[in-house]
Amino acid sequence: MINPSKLSTEIEAAGITDVVGCHSSGRVWTFECDVQDRPDVAAVIAAHDPTETPVPSLEERLEAAELLIATLLEV
C-alpha cells in the first residue's frame, strides 16, 4: 500500500528533485517517464511507511506559530 502524499514528501526529503508525481499503485513519474524502478526512487518506496503522520496537537501548532513569528520579527 502506498500513501501518495506521504511518498511524495519522502521522495523530496531524499533529495530526489525530478519526480513530479506518484500514485497509490506505486507508480512514480517525472516529466519524461515512469521512474519507480530507478534505484534511488525504489529505495524510498521500499522504506515507505504508508501510515499517516500524526497531526500535531493544538499546543504544538501554537508553539510552532510562536517560534515562526519570533523568527520573522528578528529579521
Protein backbone atom coordinates (compact mmCIF):
# COMPACT_ATOMS: atom_id res chain seq x y z
CA MET A 1 0.00 0.00 0.00
CA ILE A 2 1.27 3.47 -0.88
CA ASN A 3 0.26 6.78 0.66
CA PRO A 4 0.96 9.05 -2.33
CA SER A 5 1.16 12.34 -0.48
CA LYS A 6 3.50 10.90 2.16
CA LEU A 7 5.59 9.12 -0.50
CA SER A 8 5.93 12.40 -2.37
CA THR A 9 7.23 14.03 0.82
CA GLU A 10 9.64 11.13 1.43
CA ILE A 11 10.96 11.34 -2.14
CA GLU A 12 11.54 15.07 -1.77
CA ALA A 13 13.25 14.55 1.62
CA ALA A 14 15.58 12.05 -0.07
CA GLY A 15 16.76 14.85 -2.36
CA ILE A 16 15.13 13.47 -5.49
CA THR A 17 14.04 16.58 -7.33
CA ASP A 18 12.90 15.42 -10.76
CA VAL A 19 9.81 13.48 -9.61
CA VAL A 20 6.57 15.29 -10.41
CA GLY A 21 4.01 12.78 -9.17
CA CYS A 22 3.20 9.44 -7.63
CA HIS A 23 0.15 7.19 -7.36
CA SER A 24 -1.21 4.82 -4.73
CA SER A 25 -0.38 1.96 -7.11
CA GLY A 26 3.34 2.71 -6.65
CA ARG A 27 3.78 4.46 -9.98
CA VAL A 28 6.22 7.40 -9.74
CA TRP A 29 6.98 9.67 -12.67
CA THR A 30 8.99 12.59 -13.96
CA PHE A 31 8.04 14.80 -16.89
CA GLU A 32 9.72 12.28 -19.20
CA CYS A 33 8.91 8.79 -17.89
CA ASP A 34 7.99 6.47 -15.02
CA VAL A 35 10.83 6.09 -12.50
CA GLN A 36 9.56 3.78 -9.74
CA ASP A 37 12.18 1.19 -10.75
CA ARG A 38 15.08 3.66 -10.64
CA PRO A 39 17.37 2.63 -7.74
CA ASP A 40 17.08 5.88 -5.77
CA VAL A 41 13.29 6.01 -6.07
CA ALA A 42 12.91 2.26 -5.45
CA ALA A 43 14.88 2.63 -2.20
CA VAL A 44 12.47 5.32 -0.96
CA ILE A 45 9.48 3.17 -1.93
CA ALA A 46 10.98 0.16 -0.12
CA ALA A 47 11.37 2.21 3.07
CA HIS A 48 7.94 3.88 2.67
CA ASP A 49 5.62 3.74 5.67
CA PRO A 50 2.09 4.42 4.38
CA THR A 51 0.63 5.27 7.78
CA GLU A 52 -0.43 8.84 8.27
CA THR A 53 1.82 11.17 10.18
CA PRO A 54 0.15 12.12 13.46
CA VAL A 55 -1.49 15.52 13.44
CA PRO A 56 0.26 17.88 15.87
CA SER A 57 -1.74 18.93 18.91
CA LEU A 58 -3.09 22.45 19.19
CA GLU A 59 -0.37 23.26 21.71
CA GLU A 60 2.34 22.02 19.34
CA ARG A 61 0.91 24.08 16.49
CA LEU A 62 0.74 27.20 18.68
CA GLU A 63 4.37 26.72 19.78
CA ALA A 64 5.43 26.39 16.14
CA ALA A 65 3.47 29.52 15.20
CA GLU A 66 5.02 31.49 18.06
CA LEU A 67 8.50 30.38 17.01
CA LEU A 68 7.82 31.38 13.41
CA ILE A 69 6.54 34.80 14.47
CA ALA A 70 9.57 35.36 16.72
CA THR A 71 11.90 34.33 13.89
CA LEU A 72 10.19 36.67 11.44
CA LEU A 73 10.34 39.59 13.86
CA GLU A 74 14.12 39.11 14.22
CA VAL A 75 14.69 39.74 10.52
